[in-house]
Amino acid sequence: MALKPLHDRVLVRRVESEEKTAGGLIIPDSAKEKPAEGVVVACGEGARKDSGELIAMAVKEGDKVLFGKWSGTEVTVDGQELLMMKESDIMGILS
């Protein structure tokens, strides 16, 4: 990976959404919403307090996460479309 996030930023790859509904209907690409789930590809070292003390990240590489619909900035790295976002934009870790 040619990009290392700084501070409390996280690089996330979106998880592909389902192509069919639960009832079996095929969803065309034009009607699909971008998924709000992804896998953490890279993390920064964490935020810093005013005292300079490091606040450790709650997520790590490989975590499957849930984030807001409009969270992050889209970036292309090594031909992959990824999202760069602050850790606070992540709502939870999926297990």
N, C-alpha and C. Protein backbone atom coordinates (compact mmCIF):
# COMPACT_ATOMS: atom_id res chain seq x y z
N MET A 1 0.86 -1.17 0.00
CA MET A 1 0.00 0.00 0.00
C MET A 1 0.90 1.23 0.00
N ALA A 2 0.64 2.13 -0.91
CA ALA A 2 1.47 3.32 -1.08
C ALA A 2 0.98 4.50 -0.25
N LEU A 3 -0.05 4.31 0.57
CA LEU A 3 -0.61 5.42 1.35
C LEU A 3 -0.77 5.01 2.81
N LYS A 4 -0.16 5.76 3.71
CA LYS A 4 -0.25 5.52 5.15
C LYS A 4 -1.02 6.68 5.77
N PRO A 5 -2.21 6.43 6.35
CA PRO A 5 -2.97 7.51 6.98
C PRO A 5 -2.21 8.10 8.17
N LEU A 6 -2.42 9.38 8.42
CA LEU A 6 -1.81 10.06 9.55
C LEU A 6 -2.82 10.26 10.67
N HIS A 7 -2.31 10.42 11.88
CA HIS A 7 -3.09 10.75 13.07
C HIS A 7 -4.23 9.77 13.28
N ASP A 8 -5.48 10.26 13.34
CA ASP A 8 -6.62 9.37 13.62
C ASP A 8 -7.43 9.07 12.36
N ARG A 9 -6.75 9.02 11.22
CA ARG A 9 -7.44 8.73 9.97
C ARG A 9 -7.33 7.23 9.65
N VAL A 10 -8.33 6.75 8.89
CA VAL A 10 -8.44 5.33 8.57
C VAL A 10 -8.73 5.21 7.08
N LEU A 11 -8.10 4.25 6.42
CA LEU A 11 -8.33 3.95 5.01
C LEU A 11 -9.22 2.71 4.95
N VAL A 12 -10.38 2.82 4.27
CA VAL A 12 -11.38 1.75 4.26
C VAL A 12 -11.73 1.36 2.82
N ARG A 13 -11.84 0.05 2.57
CA ARG A 13 -12.33 -0.47 1.29
C ARG A 13 -13.77 -0.86 1.48
N ARG A 14 -14.67 -0.31 0.66
CA ARG A 14 -16.09 -0.67 0.76
C ARG A 14 -16.30 -2.15 0.46
N VAL A 15 -17.28 -2.74 1.15
CA VAL A 15 -17.70 -4.11 0.89
C VAL A 15 -18.75 -4.03 -0.21
N GLU A 16 -18.64 -4.89 -1.21
CA GLU A 16 -19.61 -4.87 -2.31
C GLU A 16 -21.01 -5.20 -1.80
N SER A 17 -22.01 -4.47 -2.31
CA SER A 17 -23.38 -4.70 -1.89
C SER A 17 -23.98 -5.90 -2.63
N GLU A 18 -25.07 -6.40 -2.09
CA GLU A 18 -25.75 -7.56 -2.68
C GLU A 18 -26.33 -7.18 -4.04
N GLU A 19 -26.32 -8.12 -4.96
CA GLU A 19 -26.87 -7.90 -6.30
C GLU A 19 -28.35 -8.28 -6.37
N LYS A 20 -28.83 -9.00 -5.33
CA LYS A 20 -30.23 -9.42 -5.31
C LYS A 20 -30.85 -9.02 -3.98
N THR A 21 -32.17 -8.79 -4.00
CA THR A 21 -32.91 -8.54 -2.77
C THR A 21 -33.19 -9.87 -2.09
N ALA A 22 -33.74 -9.83 -0.89
CA ALA A 22 -34.08 -11.05 -0.17
C ALA A 22 -35.12 -11.86 -0.94
N GLY A 23 -35.96 -11.18 -1.72
CA GLY A 23 -36.98 -11.85 -2.51
C GLY A 23 -36.48 -12.39 -3.83
N GLY A 24 -35.21 -12.12 -4.18
CA GLY A 24 -34.63 -12.66 -5.40
C GLY A 24 -34.59 -11.70 -6.58
N LEU A 25 -35.04 -10.45 -6.38
CA LEU A 25 -35.00 -9.48 -7.47
C LEU A 25 -33.58 -8.99 -7.68
N ILE A 26 -33.16 -8.87 -8.93
CA ILE A 26 -31.82 -8.37 -9.25
C ILE A 26 -31.84 -6.84 -9.24
N ILE A 27 -30.88 -6.24 -8.54
CA ILE A 27 -30.79 -4.79 -8.44
C ILE A 27 -29.81 -4.28 -9.48
N PRO A 28 -30.25 -3.39 -10.40
CA PRO A 28 -29.33 -2.85 -11.40
C PRO A 28 -28.32 -1.89 -10.75
N ASP A 29 -27.15 -1.73 -11.38
CA ASP A 29 -26.11 -0.86 -10.84
C ASP A 29 -26.61 0.56 -10.59
N SER A 30 -27.48 1.07 -11.45
CA SER A 30 -27.95 2.45 -11.31
C SER A 30 -28.83 2.64 -10.08
N ALA A 31 -29.42 1.56 -9.55
CA ALA A 31 -30.31 1.66 -8.40
C ALA A 31 -29.63 1.30 -7.09
N LYS A 32 -28.40 0.81 -7.16
CA LYS A 32 -27.70 0.40 -5.94
C LYS A 32 -27.22 1.61 -5.16
N GLU A 33 -27.33 1.52 -3.85
CA GLU A 33 -26.74 2.53 -2.97
C GLU A 33 -25.34 2.07 -2.61
N LYS A 34 -24.44 3.02 -2.40
CA LYS A 34 -23.10 2.64 -1.98
C LYS A 34 -23.20 2.07 -0.58
N PRO A 35 -22.55 0.94 -0.34
CA PRO A 35 -22.65 0.33 0.99
C PRO A 35 -21.96 1.16 2.06
N ALA A 36 -22.49 1.07 3.27
CA ALA A 36 -21.92 1.79 4.40
C ALA A 36 -21.11 0.84 5.28
N GLU A 37 -20.63 -0.23 4.66
CA GLU A 37 -19.77 -1.21 5.35
C GLU A 37 -18.45 -1.27 4.60
N GLY A 38 -17.40 -1.56 5.34
CA GLY A 38 -16.11 -1.69 4.70
C GLY A 38 -15.12 -2.41 5.58
N VAL A 39 -13.94 -2.64 5.02
CA VAL A 39 -12.86 -3.30 5.74
C VAL A 39 -11.72 -2.29 5.87
N VAL A 40 -11.17 -2.17 7.07
CA VAL A 40 -10.07 -1.25 7.32
C VAL A 40 -8.82 -1.79 6.62
N VAL A 41 -8.24 -0.95 5.76
CA VAL A 41 -7.04 -1.33 5.01
C VAL A 41 -5.78 -0.84 5.72
N ALA A 42 -5.86 0.38 6.28
CA ALA A 42 -4.70 0.95 6.99
C ALA A 42 -5.20 1.97 8.01
N CYS A 43 -4.42 2.15 9.08
CA CYS A 43 -4.77 3.09 10.15
C CYS A 43 -3.58 3.99 10.45
N GLY A 44 -3.88 5.19 10.92
CA GLY A 44 -2.84 6.07 11.43
C GLY A 44 -2.46 5.61 12.83
N GLU A 45 -1.55 6.34 13.45
CA GLU A 45 -1.09 5.92 14.79
C GLU A 45 -2.04 6.35 15.90
N GLY A 46 -2.94 7.29 15.63
CA GLY A 46 -3.90 7.74 16.63
C GLY A 46 -3.82 9.25 16.84
N ALA A 47 -4.81 9.78 17.52
CA ALA A 47 -4.85 11.21 17.81
C ALA A 47 -3.94 11.51 19.01
N ARG A 48 -3.69 12.79 19.23
CA ARG A 48 -2.88 13.20 20.38
C ARG A 48 -3.67 14.16 21.26
N LYS A 49 -3.50 13.99 22.57
CA LYS A 49 -4.10 14.92 23.53
C LYS A 49 -3.29 16.21 23.50
N ASP A 50 -3.81 17.24 24.15
CA ASP A 50 -3.08 18.51 24.24
C ASP A 50 -1.73 18.33 24.91
N SER A 51 -1.63 17.36 25.79
CA SER A 51 -0.36 17.10 26.49
C SER A 51 0.65 16.37 25.59
N GLY A 52 0.21 15.92 24.40
CA GLY A 52 1.08 15.19 23.50
C GLY A 52 0.97 13.69 23.62
N GLU A 53 0.20 13.23 24.61
CA GLU A 53 0.01 11.80 24.82
C GLU A 53 -0.82 11.21 23.69
N LEU A 54 -0.41 10.03 23.20
CA LEU A 54 -1.08 9.37 22.09
C LEU A 54 -2.35 8.66 22.56
N ILE A 55 -3.45 8.86 21.83
CA ILE A 55 -4.70 8.15 22.08
C ILE A 55 -4.75 7.01 21.06
N ALA A 56 -4.71 5.77 21.52
CA ALA A 56 -4.67 4.61 20.64
C ALA A 56 -5.94 4.49 19.81
N MET A 57 -5.81 3.92 18.62
CA MET A 57 -6.95 3.71 17.72
C MET A 57 -7.80 2.55 18.24
N ALA A 58 -9.12 2.65 18.07
CA ALA A 58 -10.03 1.59 18.48
C ALA A 58 -10.19 0.54 17.38
N VAL A 59 -9.83 0.89 16.14
CA VAL A 59 -9.92 -0.05 15.02
C VAL A 59 -8.53 -0.44 14.58
N LYS A 60 -8.45 -1.57 13.87
CA LYS A 60 -7.16 -2.04 13.35
C LYS A 60 -7.39 -2.59 11.94
N GLU A 61 -6.30 -2.81 11.22
CA GLU A 61 -6.40 -3.37 9.88
C GLU A 61 -7.15 -4.70 9.91
N GLY A 62 -8.05 -4.87 8.94
CA GLY A 62 -8.81 -6.11 8.84
C GLY A 62 -10.17 -6.05 9.51
N ASP A 63 -10.43 -5.03 10.35
CA ASP A 63 -11.74 -4.91 11.01
C ASP A 63 -12.82 -4.56 9.97
N LYS A 64 -13.99 -5.20 10.09
CA LYS A 64 -15.14 -4.87 9.25
C LYS A 64 -15.92 -3.81 10.02
N VAL A 65 -16.12 -2.64 9.39
CA VAL A 65 -16.71 -1.50 10.10
C VAL A 65 -17.96 -0.98 9.40
N LEU A 66 -18.76 -0.26 10.17
CA LEU A 66 -19.96 0.41 9.69
C LEU A 66 -19.73 1.90 9.81
N PHE A 67 -20.00 2.66 8.74
CA PHE A 67 -19.76 4.11 8.77
C PHE A 67 -20.94 4.83 8.14
N GLY A 68 -20.98 6.14 8.32
CA GLY A 68 -22.07 6.96 7.79
C GLY A 68 -22.09 6.98 6.28
N LYS A 69 -23.26 7.19 5.72
CA LYS A 69 -23.46 7.17 4.27
C LYS A 69 -22.57 8.18 3.54
N TRP A 70 -22.36 9.35 4.13
CA TRP A 70 -21.59 10.42 3.48
C TRP A 70 -20.21 10.59 4.11
N SER A 71 -19.74 9.60 4.84
CA SER A 71 -18.45 9.70 5.52
C SER A 71 -17.28 9.54 4.56
N GLY A 72 -16.21 10.21 4.87
CA GLY A 72 -14.95 10.01 4.17
C GLY A 72 -14.81 10.71 2.84
N THR A 73 -13.60 10.65 2.34
CA THR A 73 -13.23 11.21 1.05
C THR A 73 -12.75 10.07 0.17
N GLU A 74 -13.29 9.98 -1.04
CA GLU A 74 -12.91 8.90 -1.94
C GLU A 74 -11.52 9.18 -2.51
N VAL A 75 -10.65 8.18 -2.46
CA VAL A 75 -9.31 8.26 -3.03
C VAL A 75 -9.04 6.99 -3.83
N THR A 76 -8.19 7.10 -4.83
CA THR A 76 -7.80 5.93 -5.61
C THR A 76 -6.32 5.67 -5.35
N VAL A 77 -6.02 4.47 -4.86
CA VAL A 77 -4.65 4.07 -4.54
C VAL A 77 -4.38 2.73 -5.21
N ASP A 78 -3.35 2.68 -6.02
CA ASP A 78 -2.98 1.45 -6.74
C ASP A 78 -4.16 0.87 -7.51
N GLY A 79 -4.99 1.74 -8.10
CA GLY A 79 -6.14 1.30 -8.88
C GLY A 79 -7.36 0.88 -8.08
N GLN A 80 -7.28 0.97 -6.75
CA GLN A 80 -8.42 0.62 -5.89
C GLN A 80 -9.11 1.89 -5.41
N GLU A 81 -10.45 1.88 -5.41
CA GLU A 81 -11.20 3.00 -4.86
C GLU A 81 -11.38 2.76 -3.37
N LEU A 82 -10.88 3.68 -2.55
CA LEU A 82 -10.93 3.56 -1.10
C LEU A 82 -11.51 4.83 -0.50
N LEU A 83 -11.82 4.78 0.78
CA LEU A 83 -12.31 5.94 1.52
C LEU A 83 -11.31 6.29 2.61
N MET A 84 -10.98 7.57 2.73
CA MET A 84 -10.15 8.06 3.83
C MET A 84 -11.09 8.82 4.76
N MET A 85 -11.13 8.40 6.03
CA MET A 85 -12.03 9.04 6.98
C MET A 85 -11.39 9.11 8.35
N LYS A 86 -11.95 9.96 9.20
CA LYS A 86 -11.50 10.02 10.59
C LYS A 86 -12.10 8.83 11.34
N GLU A 87 -11.40 8.40 12.35
CA GLU A 87 -11.90 7.27 13.13
C GLU A 87 -13.28 7.58 13.73
N SER A 88 -13.53 8.83 14.05
CA SER A 88 -14.82 9.21 14.65
C SER A 88 -15.99 9.07 13.67
N ASP A 89 -15.71 8.95 12.34
CA ASP A 89 -16.77 8.72 11.36
C ASP A 89 -17.25 7.27 11.38
N ILE A 90 -16.46 6.40 12.00
CA ILE A 90 -16.83 4.98 12.08
C ILE A 90 -17.79 4.80 13.25
N MET A 91 -18.95 4.17 12.94
CA MET A 91 -19.97 4.00 13.98
C MET A 91 -19.82 2.73 14.78
N GLY A 92 -19.17 1.71 14.21
CA GLY A 92 -19.01 0.47 14.95
C GLY A 92 -18.21 -0.55 14.18
N ILE A 93 -17.78 -1.58 14.90
CA ILE A 93 -17.05 -2.70 14.33
C ILE A 93 -18.01 -3.88 14.25
N LEU A 94 -18.14 -4.48 13.06
CA LEU A 94 -19.02 -5.63 12.86
C LEU A 94 -18.26 -6.91 13.16
N SER A 95 -18.94 -7.85 13.81
CA SER A 95 -18.25 -9.12 14.13
C SER A 95 -18.89 -10.26 13.36
